[in-house]
Structure formats: C-alpha cells, structure tokens
PDB file of N, CA and C in Angstrom:
ATOM      1  N   MET A   1     -11.982   9.039   4.742  1.00  0.00           N
ATOM      2  CA  MET A   1     -10.833   8.702   4.936  1.00  0.00           C
ATOM      3  C   MET A   1      -9.675   7.530   3.982  1.00  0.00           C
ATOM      4  N   LYS A   2     -10.599   6.525   4.438  1.00  0.00           N
ATOM      5  CA  LYS A   2      -9.517   5.221   2.925  1.00  0.00           C
ATOM      6  C   LYS A   2      -9.752   5.563   1.996  1.00  0.00           C
ATOM      7  N   LYS A   3     -10.933   5.949   1.482  1.00  0.00           N
ATOM      8  CA  LYS A   3     -11.058   6.280   0.078  1.00  0.00           C
ATOM      9  C   LYS A   3     -10.204   7.077  -0.643  1.00  0.00           C
ATOM     10  N   ARG A   4     -10.104   8.266  -0.068  1.00  0.00           N
ATOM     11  CA  ARG A   4      -9.798   9.404  -0.101  1.00  0.00           C
ATOM     12  C   ARG A   4      -7.557   9.268   0.183  1.00  0.00           C
ATOM     13  N   ILE A   5      -7.624   8.256   0.395  1.00  0.00           N
ATOM     14  CA  ILE A   5      -5.828   8.429   0.543  1.00  0.00           C
ATOM     15  C   ILE A   5      -5.390   7.057  -0.360  1.00  0.00           C
ATOM     16  N   MET A   6      -6.724   6.333  -0.855  1.00  0.00           N
ATOM     17  CA  MET A   6      -6.497   5.134  -1.952  1.00  0.00           C
ATOM     18  C   MET A   6      -6.355   6.207  -3.088  1.00  0.00           C
ATOM     19  N   ALA A   7      -7.205   7.337  -2.916  1.00  0.00           N
ATOM     20  CA  ALA A   7      -7.304   7.753  -4.413  1.00  0.00           C
ATOM     21  C   ALA A   7      -5.904   8.474  -5.117  1.00  0.00           C
ATOM     22  N   ILE A   8      -4.951   9.277  -3.771  1.00  0.00           N
ATOM     23  CA  ILE A   8      -3.911  10.072  -3.788  1.00  0.00           C
ATOM     24  C   ILE A   8      -3.051   8.978  -4.998  1.00  0.00           C
ATOM     25  N   GLY A   9      -2.978   8.109  -4.847  1.00  0.00           N
ATOM     26  CA  GLY A   9      -1.963   7.065  -5.824  1.00  0.00           C
ATOM     27  C   GLY A   9      -2.789   7.626  -7.456  1.00  0.00           C
ATOM     28  N   PHE A  10      -3.971   7.155  -7.319  1.00  0.00           N
ATOM     29  CA  PHE A  10      -4.487   7.912  -8.810  1.00  0.00           C
ATOM     30  C   PHE A  10      -4.281   9.218  -9.636  1.00  0.00           C
ATOM     31  N   ASP A  11      -4.438  10.064  -8.353  1.00  0.00           N
ATOM     32  CA  ASP A  11      -4.497  11.565  -8.493  1.00  0.00           C
ATOM     33  C   ASP A  11      -3.160  12.338  -8.676  1.00  0.00           C
ATOM     34  N   ILE A  12      -2.111  11.454  -8.531  1.00  0.00           N
ATOM     35  CA  ILE A  12      -0.565  11.822  -8.812  1.00  0.00           C
ATOM     36  C   ILE A  12      -0.061  10.876  -9.265  1.00  0.00           C
ATOM     37  N   TYR A  13      -0.337  10.556 -10.146  1.00  0.00           N
ATOM     38  CA  TYR A  13      -0.021   8.979 -11.615  1.00  0.00           C
ATOM     39  C   TYR A  13       0.616  10.214 -12.631  1.00  0.00           C
ATOM     40  N   PRO A  14      -0.076  11.132 -13.213  1.00  0.00           N
ATOM     41  CA  PRO A  14      -0.006  12.272 -13.860  1.00  0.00           C
ATOM     42  C   PRO A  14       1.426  13.331 -13.875  1.00  0.00           C
ATOM     43  N   ASP A  15       1.876  12.929 -12.680  1.00  0.00           N
ATOM     44  CA  ASP A  15       3.013  14.383 -11.934  1.00  0.00           C
ATOM     45  C   ASP A  15       3.867  13.391 -12.350  1.00  0.00           C
ATOM     46  N   ILE A  16       3.863  12.065 -11.343  1.00  0.00           N
ATOM     47  CA  ILE A  16       5.157  11.438 -11.543  1.00  0.00           C
ATOM     48  C   ILE A  16       5.449  10.423 -12.157  1.00  0.00           C
ATOM     49  N   GLY A  17       4.477   9.734 -12.617  1.00  0.00           N
ATOM     50  CA  GLY A  17       4.285   8.787 -13.487  1.00  0.00           C
ATOM     51  C   GLY A  17       4.605   7.483 -13.181  1.00  0.00           C
ATOM     52  N   VAL A  18       4.358   7.670 -11.801  1.00  0.00           N
ATOM     53  CA  VAL A  18       4.211   5.879 -11.509  1.00  0.00           C
ATOM     54  C   VAL A  18       3.194   5.779 -10.265  1.00  0.00           C
ATOM     55  N   MET A  19       2.433   4.801 -10.841  1.00  0.00           N
ATOM     56  CA  MET A  19       1.174   3.743  -9.869  1.00  0.00           C
ATOM     57  C   MET A  19       1.769   3.871  -8.648  1.00  0.00           C
ATOM     58  N   ILE A  20       0.860   4.525  -7.613  1.00  0.00           N
ATOM     59  CA  ILE A  20       0.923   3.850  -6.118  1.00  0.00           C
ATOM     60  C   ILE A  20      -0.102   3.426  -5.872  1.00  0.00           C
ATOM     61  N   SER A  21       0.021   1.989  -5.165  1.00  0.00           N
ATOM     62  CA  SER A  21      -1.370   1.458  -4.645  1.00  0.00           C
ATOM     63  C   SER A  21      -1.426   1.438  -3.190  1.00  0.00           C
ATOM     64  N   ALA A  22      -2.196   1.890  -2.619  1.00  0.00           N
ATOM     65  CA  ALA A  22      -2.626   2.463  -0.948  1.00  0.00           C
ATOM     66  C   ALA A  22      -3.160   0.806  -0.407  1.00  0.00           C
ATOM     67  N   LYS A  23      -2.654   0.376   0.435  1.00  0.00           N
ATOM     68  CA  LYS A  23      -3.560  -0.553   0.838  1.00  0.00           C
ATOM     69  C   LYS A  23      -3.780   0.176   2.708  1.00  0.00           C
ATOM     70  N   VAL A  24      -5.138   0.833   2.824  1.00  0.00           N
ATOM     71  CA  VAL A  24      -5.063   1.212   4.011  1.00  0.00           C
ATOM     72  C   VAL A  24      -5.761   0.666   4.845  1.00  0.00           C
ATOM     73  N   MET A  25      -5.108   0.018   6.190  1.00  0.00           N
ATOM     74  CA  MET A  25      -5.646  -0.876   7.097  1.00  0.00           C
ATOM     75  C   MET A  25      -5.000  -0.307   8.764  1.00  0.00           C
ATOM     76  N   THR A  26      -5.947  -1.120   9.824  1.00  0.00           N
ATOM     77  CA  THR A  26      -5.390  -0.608  10.959  1.00  0.00           C
ATOM     78  C   THR A  26      -4.294  -1.337  11.256  1.00  0.00           C
ATOM     79  N   GLU A  27      -3.436  -0.784  12.748  1.00  0.00           N
ATOM     80  CA  GLU A  27      -2.444  -1.635  12.636  1.00  0.00           C
ATOM     81  C   GLU A  27      -2.762  -3.070  13.417  1.00  0.00           C
ATOM     82  N   GLU A  28      -3.756  -3.528  13.895  1.00  0.00           N
ATOM     83  CA  GLU A  28      -4.280  -4.531  14.220  1.00  0.00           C
ATOM     84  C   GLU A  28      -4.471  -5.473  12.776  1.00  0.00           C
ATOM     85  N   GLN A  29      -4.707  -4.982  12.323  1.00  0.00           N
ATOM     86  CA  GLN A  29      -5.328  -5.537  10.608  1.00  0.00           C
ATOM     87  C   GLN A  29      -3.660  -6.080   9.911  1.00  0.00           C
ATOM     88  N   PHE A  30      -3.048  -5.227   9.648  1.00  0.00           N
ATOM     89  CA  PHE A  30      -1.292  -5.317   9.697  1.00  0.00           C
ATOM     90  C   PHE A  30      -1.108  -6.789  10.273  1.00  0.00           C
ATOM     91  N   MET A  31      -1.029  -6.268  11.412  1.00  0.00           N
ATOM     92  CA  MET A  31      -0.294  -7.732  12.180  1.00  0.00           C
ATOM     93  C   MET A  31      -0.839  -9.132  12.050  1.00  0.00           C
ATOM     94  N   VAL A  32      -2.133  -8.895  11.713  1.00  0.00           N
ATOM     95  CA  VAL A  32      -2.878 -10.393  11.334  1.00  0.00           C
ATOM     96  C   VAL A  32      -2.462 -10.869  10.084  1.00  0.00           C
ATOM     97  N   MET A  33      -2.508  -9.878   9.495  1.00  0.00           N
ATOM     98  CA  MET A  33      -1.821 -10.158   8.051  1.00  0.00           C
ATOM     99  C   MET A  33      -0.324 -10.386   7.598  1.00  0.00           C
ATOM    100  N   ILE A  34       0.742 -10.278   8.357  1.00  0.00           N
ATOM    101  CA  ILE A  34       1.918  -9.657   8.162  1.00  0.00           C
ATOM    102  C   ILE A  34       2.392 -10.577   7.312  1.00  0.00           C
ATOM    103  N   ASP A  35       1.879 -12.528   7.695  1.00  0.00           N
ATOM    104  CA  ASP A  35       2.481 -13.526   7.445  1.00  0.00           C
ATOM    105  C   ASP A  35       2.185 -14.102   6.119  1.00  0.00           C
ATOM    106  N   PHE A  36       1.220 -12.990   5.606  1.00  0.00           N
ATOM    107  CA  PHE A  36       0.198 -13.175   4.190  1.00  0.00           C
ATOM    108  C   PHE A  36       1.402 -13.157   3.073  1.00  0.00           C
ATOM    109  N   MET A  37       1.322 -13.776   2.256  1.00  0.00           N
ATOM    110  CA  MET A  37       1.946 -13.750   0.666  1.00  0.00           C
ATOM    111  C   MET A  37       2.393 -12.680   0.022  1.00  0.00           C
ATOM    112  N   PHE A  38       1.142 -11.497   0.570  1.00  0.00           N
ATOM    113  CA  PHE A  38       1.376 -10.174  -0.033  1.00  0.00           C
ATOM    114  C   PHE A  38       2.531  -9.155   0.588  1.00  0.00           C
ATOM    115  N   PHE A  39       2.389  -9.192   2.336  1.00  0.00           N
ATOM    116  CA  PHE A  39       3.442  -8.930   2.716  1.00  0.00           C
ATOM    117  C   PHE A  39       4.756  -9.408   2.544  1.00  0.00           C
ATOM    118  N   ARG A  40       4.839 -11.112   2.266  1.00  0.00           N
ATOM    119  CA  ARG A  40       6.037 -11.037   1.926  1.00  0.00           C
ATOM    120  C   ARG A  40       6.673 -10.874   0.452  1.00  0.00           C
ATOM    121  N   GLN A  41       6.134 -10.706  -0.199  1.00  0.00           N
ATOM    122  CA  GLN A  41       6.209 -10.627  -2.017  1.00  0.00           C
ATOM    123  C   GLN A  41       6.552  -8.997  -1.810  1.00  0.00           C
ATOM    124  N   VAL A  42       5.715  -8.224  -1.118  1.00  0.00           N
ATOM    125  CA  VAL A  42       6.317  -6.514  -1.278  1.00  0.00           C
ATOM    126  C   VAL A  42       7.702  -6.061  -0.692  1.00  0.00           C
ATOM    127  N   SER A  43       7.947  -7.049   0.563  1.00  0.00           N
ATOM    128  CA  SER A  43       8.971  -7.030   1.259  1.00  0.00           C
ATOM    129  C   SER A  43      10.276  -7.689   0.889  1.00  0.00           C
ATOM    130  N   LYS A  44       9.531  -8.553  -0.107  1.00  0.00           N
ATOM    131  CA  LYS A  44      11.253  -9.485  -0.799  1.00  0.00           C
ATOM    132  C   LYS A  44      10.983  -8.100  -2.455  1.00  0.00           C
ATOM    133  N   ASP A  45      10.450  -7.271  -2.663  1.00  0.00           N
ATOM    134  CA  ASP A  45      10.754  -6.951  -4.309  1.00  0.00           C
ATOM    135  C   ASP A  45      11.123  -5.520  -3.336  1.00  0.00           C
ATOM    136  N   GLY A  46      11.516  -5.496  -1.975  1.00  0.00           N
ATOM    137  CA  GLY A  46      12.138  -3.903  -1.483  1.00  0.00           C
ATOM    138  C   GLY A  46      10.710  -2.740  -2.034  1.00  0.00           C
ATOM    139  N   ILE A  47       9.585  -3.433  -1.151  1.00  0.00           N
ATOM    140  CA  ILE A  47       8.376  -2.018  -1.202  1.00  0.00           C
ATOM    141  C   ILE A  47       7.991  -1.964  -0.101  1.00  0.00           C
ATOM    142  N   THR A  48       8.427  -0.869   0.759  1.00  0.00           N
ATOM    143  CA  THR A  48       7.885  -0.218   2.117  1.00  0.00           C
ATOM    144  C   THR A  48       6.631  -0.841   2.193  1.00  0.00           C
ATOM    145  N   VAL A  49       6.461  -0.847   3.234  1.00  0.00           N
ATOM    146  CA  VAL A  49       5.761  -0.895   3.796  1.00  0.00           C
ATOM    147  C   VAL A  49       5.159  -0.367   5.140  1.00  0.00           C
ATOM    148  N   LEU A  50       4.514   0.420   4.974  1.00  0.00           N
ATOM    149  CA  LEU A  50       4.450   1.409   6.452  1.00  0.00           C
ATOM    150  C   LEU A  50       2.767   1.532   6.765  1.00  0.00           C
TER     151      LEU A  50
END
C-alpha cells in the first residue's frame, strides 16, 4: 500500500504537470518527526501535511 500511494505522485504528473511527493507514515511516526526540519520547512512553505 505504501509503495502504491507514493507511486500516485508519479502516475498523475503527466496529467497535472506538478510532481507530488508523498511521504507515508503512521500517526505515531508523524508525531515523533513533527519537530524535524522537514515538517517545519513544508509548513513554512504553506504545503499541506496530512
């Protein structure tokens, strides 16, 4: 499932012209990593993290 979700970004690129990079993790993993630079940067850039 994780690989399929991540592949969707590549699959739809030709249709929308925007690369989507999906990061798949559990809620627990997310809570551990929420203070890491990656999440601070995407939040700063206005990118939605779901």
